[in-house]
Amino acid sequence: MLEWSGNSSPVRMMRSARIDHYEAHSVFHGLLEGEDYRNRVAGACIYCCPRCSHRIRFRWRSFYQANERSAFKWKLRRVFDDMTPALKTDEQGFLDFFCPTCAAPTRIIFSADDYAKLAYHFDIYAALVGAGTRQK
């Protein structure tokens, strides 16, 4: 079965598996908008799971420490890797986790801009959200 959402190419997935693409502003609160940037993390932001409405607070250091470590097993990670769009920036990162309420696998895609030695800006691009095992 082939299913996908967003602007990415289809990926072979398990029966009834689905991953949706959400723009940052539709699932995050507390991001800054500016002339030269969009969806910038300033201290902290709130992610609201589109599957169950569970809220998770991410601090700036959550993105700094992400280092593309994944909570997913390799098969699921490969599916998310195939669906992750490449950003125009050199410093692209992601943060993988399972929603604590509905267990939806989620990937936050962000860019890291090094504006001074050991100082970064993080701009959220999007969230990829799979189907959770538990529903509301």
Protein backbone atom coordinates (compact mmCIF):
# COMPACT_ATOMS: atom_id res chain seq x y z
CA MET A 1 0.00 0.00 0.00
CA LEU A 2 1.34 3.43 -0.89
CA GLU A 3 0.22 6.42 1.12
CA TRP A 4 1.68 9.79 1.75
CA SER A 5 0.78 13.36 2.54
CA GLY A 6 2.55 16.57 1.70
CA ASN A 7 4.89 17.23 -1.20
CA SER A 8 7.07 14.16 -0.87
CA SER A 9 7.17 11.07 -3.03
CA PRO A 10 5.26 7.91 -2.08
CA VAL A 11 6.90 5.46 0.27
CA ARG A 12 6.00 1.81 0.72
CA MET A 13 4.66 1.43 4.24
CA MET A 14 2.78 -1.04 6.34
CA ARG A 15 -0.95 -1.46 5.76
CA SER A 16 -2.90 1.56 7.06
CA ALA A 17 0.31 3.38 7.98
CA ARG A 18 0.19 7.08 7.27
CA ILE A 19 2.48 10.03 7.80
CA ASP A 20 1.15 13.57 7.49
CA HIS A 21 3.17 16.73 6.86
CA TYR A 22 2.26 19.75 9.03
CA GLU A 23 3.62 23.24 8.58
CA ALA A 24 5.27 24.61 11.72
CA HIS A 25 2.69 27.31 12.42
CA SER A 26 -0.15 24.76 12.47
CA VAL A 27 1.31 22.61 15.28
CA PHE A 28 3.60 25.00 17.21
CA HIS A 29 2.86 27.99 19.43
CA GLY A 30 5.37 30.57 20.60
CA LEU A 31 7.55 30.79 17.50
CA LEU A 32 8.90 34.15 16.36
CA GLU A 33 8.41 35.67 12.92
CA GLY A 34 10.86 38.21 11.51
CA GLU A 35 12.00 39.87 8.33
CA ASP A 36 14.81 37.36 7.74
CA TYR A 37 13.34 34.25 9.39
CA ARG A 38 10.17 32.30 10.04
CA ASN A 39 9.19 30.05 12.94
CA ARG A 40 12.21 30.78 15.12
CA VAL A 41 12.50 29.17 18.55
CA ALA A 42 13.04 31.84 21.20
CA GLY A 43 13.69 30.15 24.52
CA ALA A 44 10.81 27.67 24.28
CA CYS A 45 7.86 26.69 22.11
CA ILE A 46 4.82 24.45 22.52
CA TYR A 47 4.10 21.53 20.18
CA CYS A 48 0.46 20.42 19.99
CA CYS A 49 0.02 16.87 18.66
CA PRO A 50 -2.46 16.96 15.74
CA ARG A 51 -3.58 13.41 16.58
CA CYS A 52 -4.54 13.83 20.25
CA SER A 53 -3.91 17.53 21.15
CA HIS A 54 -1.29 16.62 23.76
CA ARG A 55 1.03 19.59 24.39
CA ILE A 56 4.79 19.26 24.73
CA ARG A 57 7.10 22.13 25.64
CA PHE A 58 10.42 22.19 23.82
CA ARG A 59 13.18 24.43 25.04
CA TRP A 60 15.87 25.88 22.82
CA ARG A 61 18.38 23.34 24.14
CA SER A 62 16.11 20.45 22.97
CA PHE A 63 17.04 21.36 19.39
CA TYR A 64 20.66 22.10 20.27
CA GLN A 65 21.03 18.63 21.84
CA ALA A 66 19.04 16.72 19.20
CA ASN A 67 22.08 15.76 17.05
CA GLU A 68 19.76 13.75 14.82
CA ARG A 69 19.38 11.03 17.44
CA SER A 70 16.22 9.08 16.82
CA ALA A 71 13.78 7.31 19.12
CA PHE A 72 12.65 5.21 16.14
CA LYS A 73 13.76 1.73 15.18
CA TRP A 74 15.68 1.63 11.90
CA LYS A 75 12.72 0.65 9.62
CA LEU A 76 10.55 3.48 10.88
CA ARG A 77 13.48 5.87 10.78
CA ARG A 78 14.12 5.00 7.12
CA VAL A 79 10.50 5.78 6.25
CA PHE A 80 10.76 9.15 7.99
CA ASP A 81 14.17 9.80 6.36
CA ASP A 82 12.64 9.16 2.92
CA MET A 83 9.82 11.60 3.62
CA THR A 84 11.98 14.36 5.14
CA PRO A 85 12.40 17.19 2.65
CA ALA A 86 15.84 18.70 2.22
CA LEU A 87 16.03 22.31 3.34
CA LYS A 88 18.01 24.99 1.54
CA THR A 89 20.23 25.40 4.59
CA ASP A 90 23.47 23.55 5.29
CA GLU A 91 22.50 22.94 8.90
CA GLN A 92 19.37 20.78 8.80
CA GLY A 93 18.36 18.78 11.83
CA PHE A 94 15.51 16.73 13.18
CA LEU A 95 14.10 15.64 16.50
CA ASP A 96 12.28 12.27 16.64
CA PHE A 97 9.94 11.20 19.44
CA PHE A 98 6.70 9.36 20.20
CA CYS A 99 3.77 11.38 21.51
CA PRO A 100 3.32 10.43 25.20
CA THR A 101 -0.48 10.25 24.84
CA CYS A 102 -1.25 8.66 21.46
CA ALA A 103 2.21 7.20 20.66
CA ALA A 104 2.26 8.87 17.22
CA PRO A 105 5.80 8.81 15.83
CA THR A 106 6.78 12.43 15.18
CA ARG A 107 9.70 14.14 13.50
CA ILE A 108 10.32 17.86 13.90
CA ILE A 109 12.40 19.23 11.03
CA PHE A 110 14.40 22.36 11.77
CA SER A 111 17.32 24.40 10.53
CA ALA A 112 20.19 25.50 12.73
CA ASP A 113 21.88 28.75 11.86
CA ASP A 114 25.28 29.35 13.45
CA TYR A 115 25.41 33.12 13.85
CA ALA A 116 28.36 33.24 16.26
CA LYS A 117 30.77 30.73 17.71
CA LEU A 118 28.65 28.27 19.72
CA ALA A 119 25.50 30.37 19.25
CA TYR A 120 22.62 29.11 17.13
CA HIS A 121 19.18 30.11 15.92
CA PHE A 122 16.71 27.29 15.37
CA ASP A 123 13.91 27.71 12.84
CA ILE A 124 11.19 25.04 12.74
CA TYR A 125 10.27 23.96 9.23
CA ALA A 126 7.61 21.29 9.71
CA ALA A 127 6.48 18.22 11.62
CA LEU A 128 5.93 14.76 10.15
CA VAL A 129 3.40 12.81 12.21
CA GLY A 130 2.53 9.15 11.85
CA ALA A 131 -0.58 7.35 13.02
CA GLY A 132 -0.64 6.78 16.76
CA THR A 133 -1.48 3.45 18.34
CA ARG A 134 -3.72 5.00 20.98
CA GLN A 135 -6.44 7.49 20.15
CA LYS A 136 -8.28 10.03 22.31
